[in-house]
Amino acid sequence: MYFNAKRGNNPTENLQLISLQGNLFLNKYVYVAGQTSFANFGNAGAYAEGIVGVGIHSKSMFYKKATVFAQLLGGAAGGGDISTGQGLIIKPSIGFNYELNDKLSLRTSVGKVKARGGKLNSTSVAFGLTYNVSFLTAN
């Protein structure tokens, strides 16, 4: 959710999105991420994002059930009368993962979303699920 997402012509209001993010770990703590999001509530039905970036996460703590992370994503966004200017946004965030089992975790984060050249400059919060997938590699 983006709180008080600035619009071009319509009144400012909260914007809710559905997102999908994929992380590829470069080592045990650093990852590259790709995220796509689409508006589902908040009178901005055509708004969408495609962003990429990097993140880091901590060692496991609390009986190896939790990690803290920080990430910086940026890329293209637009539509739905959201004031994104030329369509470039940056989205830094920090968050927390809590492992339910070896494949599934709860994820929450807080951050900012800022448009270059537009009026969008909102606090964001996210709640979701993480599903872990492994790839076989040859060394």
C-alpha atoms as a PDB file:
ATOM      1  CA  MET A   1       0.000   0.000   0.000  1.00  0.00           C
ATOM      2  CA  TYR A   2       1.154   3.517  -0.810  1.00  0.00           C
ATOM      3  CA  PHE A   3      -0.234   6.070   1.629  1.00  0.00           C
ATOM      4  CA  ASN A   4      -1.606   9.297   0.117  1.00  0.00           C
ATOM      5  CA  ALA A   5      -0.472   8.536  -3.443  1.00  0.00           C
ATOM      6  CA  LYS A   6      -0.507  11.831  -5.374  1.00  0.00           C
ATOM      7  CA  ARG A   7      -2.649  11.930  -8.522  1.00  0.00           C
ATOM      8  CA  GLY A   8      -2.488  14.059 -11.623  1.00  0.00           C
ATOM      9  CA  ASN A   9      -6.122  15.227 -11.609  1.00  0.00           C
ATOM     10  CA  ASN A  10      -7.987  13.182  -9.008  1.00  0.00           C
ATOM     11  CA  PRO A  11      -7.882  13.622  -5.204  1.00  0.00           C
ATOM     12  CA  THR A  12      -4.996  12.042  -3.279  1.00  0.00           C
ATOM     13  CA  GLU A  13      -5.824   8.690  -1.653  1.00  0.00           C
ATOM     14  CA  ASN A  14      -4.186   5.437  -0.601  1.00  0.00           C
ATOM     15  CA  LEU A  15      -3.210   2.989  -3.342  1.00  0.00           C
ATOM     16  CA  GLN A  16      -3.232  -0.783  -2.831  1.00  0.00           C
ATOM     17  CA  LEU A  17      -1.196  -3.026  -5.123  1.00  0.00           C
ATOM     18  CA  ILE A  18      -0.630  -6.703  -5.804  1.00  0.00           C
ATOM     19  CA  SER A  19       3.067  -7.469  -6.339  1.00  0.00           C
ATOM     20  CA  LEU A  20       5.284 -10.329  -7.410  1.00  0.00           C
ATOM     21  CA  GLN A  21       9.012 -10.203  -6.667  1.00  0.00           C
ATOM     22  CA  GLY A  22      11.753 -12.620  -7.639  1.00  0.00           C
ATOM     23  CA  ASN A  23      15.120 -12.641  -5.853  1.00  0.00           C
ATOM     24  CA  LEU A  24      18.308 -14.242  -7.182  1.00  0.00           C
ATOM     25  CA  PHE A  25      20.944 -14.611  -4.485  1.00  0.00           C
ATOM     26  CA  LEU A  26      24.474 -13.753  -5.594  1.00  0.00           C
ATOM     27  CA  ASN A  27      25.867 -15.055  -2.312  1.00  0.00           C
ATOM     28  CA  LYS A  28      24.473 -15.911   1.110  1.00  0.00           C
ATOM     29  CA  TYR A  29      23.381 -12.333   1.906  1.00  0.00           C
ATOM     30  CA  VAL A  30      23.200 -10.274  -1.318  1.00  0.00           C
ATOM     31  CA  TYR A  31      20.518 -10.613  -3.984  1.00  0.00           C
ATOM     32  CA  VAL A  32      19.266  -8.958  -7.168  1.00  0.00           C
ATOM     33  CA  ALA A  33      15.523  -8.464  -7.364  1.00  0.00           C
ATOM     34  CA  GLY A  34      12.865  -7.887  -9.988  1.00  0.00           C
ATOM     35  CA  GLN A  35       9.370  -6.774  -9.002  1.00  0.00           C
ATOM     36  CA  THR A  36       6.140  -6.076 -10.843  1.00  0.00           C
ATOM     37  CA  SER A  37       3.100  -4.482  -9.207  1.00  0.00           C
ATOM     38  CA  PHE A  38      -0.413  -3.669 -10.318  1.00  0.00           C
ATOM     39  CA  ALA A  39      -3.034  -1.453  -8.654  1.00  0.00           C
ATOM     40  CA  ASN A  40      -6.077  -3.340  -7.398  1.00  0.00           C
ATOM     41  CA  PHE A  41      -7.749  -0.762  -5.079  1.00  0.00           C
ATOM     42  CA  GLY A  42      -7.443   2.991  -4.762  1.00  0.00           C
ATOM     43  CA  ASN A  43      -9.017   4.283  -7.992  1.00  0.00           C
ATOM     44  CA  ALA A  44      -5.859   3.781 -10.072  1.00  0.00           C
ATOM     45  CA  GLY A  45      -6.780   0.627 -11.999  1.00  0.00           C
ATOM     46  CA  ALA A  46      -4.292   1.106 -14.842  1.00  0.00           C
ATOM     47  CA  TYR A  47      -1.262   1.797 -12.619  1.00  0.00           C
ATOM     48  CA  ALA A  48       1.629  -0.676 -12.938  1.00  0.00           C
ATOM     49  CA  GLU A  49       5.344  -0.920 -12.076  1.00  0.00           C
ATOM     50  CA  GLY A  50       8.316  -2.870 -13.368  1.00  0.00           C
ATOM     51  CA  ILE A  51      11.348  -2.342 -11.130  1.00  0.00           C
ATOM     52  CA  VAL A  52      14.700  -4.002 -10.427  1.00  0.00           C
ATOM     53  CA  GLY A  53      17.465  -3.566  -7.866  1.00  0.00           C
ATOM     54  CA  VAL A  54      19.613  -5.066  -5.144  1.00  0.00           C
ATOM     55  CA  GLY A  55      19.070  -6.179  -1.586  1.00  0.00           C
ATOM     56  CA  ILE A  56      20.849  -7.588   1.436  1.00  0.00           C
ATOM     57  CA  HIS A  57      19.571  -9.693   4.293  1.00  0.00           C
ATOM     58  CA  SER A  58      20.868 -10.626   7.702  1.00  0.00           C
ATOM     59  CA  LYS A  59      21.923 -13.917   9.187  1.00  0.00           C
ATOM     60  CA  SER A  60      19.052 -15.947  10.626  1.00  0.00           C
ATOM     61  CA  MET A  61      18.063 -15.051  14.171  1.00  0.00           C
ATOM     62  CA  PHE A  62      15.384 -16.001  16.722  1.00  0.00           C
ATOM     63  CA  TYR A  63      15.977 -19.758  16.536  1.00  0.00           C
ATOM     64  CA  LYS A  64      16.886 -19.447  12.827  1.00  0.00           C
ATOM     65  CA  LYS A  65      13.332 -18.368  11.970  1.00  0.00           C
ATOM     66  CA  ALA A  66      13.754 -14.662  11.115  1.00  0.00           C
ATOM     67  CA  THR A  67      15.836 -12.391   8.892  1.00  0.00           C
ATOM     68  CA  VAL A  68      15.927  -8.638   8.353  1.00  0.00           C
ATOM     69  CA  PHE A  69      16.454  -7.204   4.861  1.00  0.00           C
ATOM     70  CA  ALA A  70      16.999  -3.913   3.041  1.00  0.00           C
ATOM     71  CA  GLN A  71      16.566  -3.345  -0.661  1.00  0.00           C
ATOM     72  CA  LEU A  72      16.717  -0.541  -3.228  1.00  0.00           C
ATOM     73  CA  LEU A  73      14.598  -0.958  -6.349  1.00  0.00           C
ATOM     74  CA  GLY A  74      13.968   1.394  -9.255  1.00  0.00           C
ATOM     75  CA  GLY A  75      12.438   1.412 -12.699  1.00  0.00           C
ATOM     76  CA  ALA A  76       9.334   2.220 -14.723  1.00  0.00           C
ATOM     77  CA  ALA A  77       5.867   3.041 -13.413  1.00  0.00           C
ATOM     78  CA  GLY A  78       2.791   4.785 -14.705  1.00  0.00           C
ATOM     79  CA  GLY A  79      -0.904   4.906 -15.453  1.00  0.00           C
ATOM     80  CA  GLY A  80      -3.993   5.253 -13.307  1.00  0.00           C
ATOM     81  CA  ASP A  81      -3.529   9.036 -12.951  1.00  0.00           C
ATOM     82  CA  ILE A  82      -0.702   8.467 -10.409  1.00  0.00           C
ATOM     83  CA  SER A  83       1.746  11.392 -10.609  1.00  0.00           C
ATOM     84  CA  THR A  84       4.918   9.582 -11.741  1.00  0.00           C
ATOM     85  CA  GLY A  85       6.267  12.365 -13.991  1.00  0.00           C
ATOM     86  CA  GLN A  86       8.396  10.721 -16.686  1.00  0.00           C
ATOM     87  CA  GLY A  87       7.639   7.296 -15.193  1.00  0.00           C
ATOM     88  CA  LEU A  88      10.853   6.662 -13.238  1.00  0.00           C
ATOM     89  CA  ILE A  89      10.477   5.637  -9.574  1.00  0.00           C
ATOM     90  CA  ILE A  90      12.825   4.551  -6.793  1.00  0.00           C
ATOM     91  CA  LYS A  91      11.634   2.374  -3.942  1.00  0.00           C
ATOM     92  CA  PRO A  92      13.923   1.762  -0.927  1.00  0.00           C
ATOM     93  CA  SER A  93      12.574  -0.479   1.844  1.00  0.00           C
ATOM     94  CA  ILE A  94      13.500  -2.436   4.943  1.00  0.00           C
ATOM     95  CA  GLY A  95      11.691  -5.486   6.199  1.00  0.00           C
ATOM     96  CA  PHE A  96      11.415  -8.700   8.123  1.00  0.00           C
ATOM     97  CA  ASN A  97      10.927 -12.346   7.063  1.00  0.00           C
ATOM     98  CA  TYR A  98       9.617 -15.013   9.440  1.00  0.00           C
ATOM     99  CA  GLU A  99      10.106 -18.626   8.314  1.00  0.00           C
ATOM    100  CA  LEU A 100       7.058 -20.882   8.679  1.00  0.00           C
ATOM    101  CA  ASN A 101       8.830 -23.912   7.159  1.00  0.00           C
ATOM    102  CA  ASP A 102      11.741 -24.543   4.752  1.00  0.00           C
ATOM    103  CA  LYS A 103       9.696 -23.267   1.748  1.00  0.00           C
ATOM    104  CA  LEU A 104       7.279 -20.652   3.101  1.00  0.00           C
ATOM    105  CA  SER A 105       7.832 -17.385   5.035  1.00  0.00           C
ATOM    106  CA  LEU A 106       5.806 -14.366   6.076  1.00  0.00           C
ATOM    107  CA  ARG A 107       7.244 -11.065   4.815  1.00  0.00           C
ATOM    108  CA  THR A 108       6.593  -7.482   5.842  1.00  0.00           C
ATOM    109  CA  SER A 109       8.323  -4.246   4.895  1.00  0.00           C
ATOM    110  CA  VAL A 110       8.120  -0.471   5.129  1.00  0.00           C
ATOM    111  CA  GLY A 111       9.682   2.025   2.763  1.00  0.00           C
ATOM    112  CA  LYS A 112       9.233   4.957   0.410  1.00  0.00           C
ATOM    113  CA  VAL A 113       8.278   5.293  -3.221  1.00  0.00           C
ATOM    114  CA  LYS A 114       9.408   8.461  -5.012  1.00  0.00           C
ATOM    115  CA  ALA A 115       8.813   9.484  -8.615  1.00  0.00           C
ATOM    116  CA  ARG A 116      11.369  11.475 -10.555  1.00  0.00           C
ATOM    117  CA  GLY A 117       9.632  14.525 -11.964  1.00  0.00           C
ATOM    118  CA  GLY A 118       6.270  13.604 -10.454  1.00  0.00           C
ATOM    119  CA  LYS A 119       4.501  14.297  -7.175  1.00  0.00           C
ATOM    120  CA  LEU A 120       4.395  10.679  -5.986  1.00  0.00           C
ATOM    121  CA  ASN A 121       6.365  10.579  -2.717  1.00  0.00           C
ATOM    122  CA  SER A 122       4.629   8.103  -0.415  1.00  0.00           C
ATOM    123  CA  THR A 123       5.348   5.826   2.494  1.00  0.00           C
ATOM    124  CA  SER A 124       4.773   2.194   1.558  1.00  0.00           C
ATOM    125  CA  VAL A 125       3.959  -0.875   3.614  1.00  0.00           C
ATOM    126  CA  ALA A 126       3.818  -4.456   2.374  1.00  0.00           C
ATOM    127  CA  PHE A 127       2.662  -7.775   3.775  1.00  0.00           C
ATOM    128  CA  GLY A 128       3.020 -11.049   1.939  1.00  0.00           C
ATOM    129  CA  LEU A 129       4.300 -14.570   1.562  1.00  0.00           C
ATOM    130  CA  THR A 130       7.677 -15.764   0.350  1.00  0.00           C
ATOM    131  CA  TYR A 131       8.025 -19.115  -1.396  1.00  0.00           C
ATOM    132  CA  ASN A 132      11.595 -20.460  -1.723  1.00  0.00           C
ATOM    133  CA  VAL A 133      12.634 -22.173  -4.947  1.00  0.00           C
ATOM    134  CA  SER A 134      16.027 -23.778  -5.520  1.00  0.00           C
ATOM    135  CA  PHE A 135      17.942 -24.185  -8.772  1.00  0.00           C
ATOM    136  CA  LEU A 136      20.465 -26.912  -9.500  1.00  0.00           C
ATOM    137  CA  THR A 137      23.832 -25.555 -10.566  1.00  0.00           C
ATOM    138  CA  ALA A 138      27.079 -27.145 -11.672  1.00  0.00           C
ATOM    139  CA  ASN A 139      30.402 -25.917 -10.332  1.00  0.00           C
END
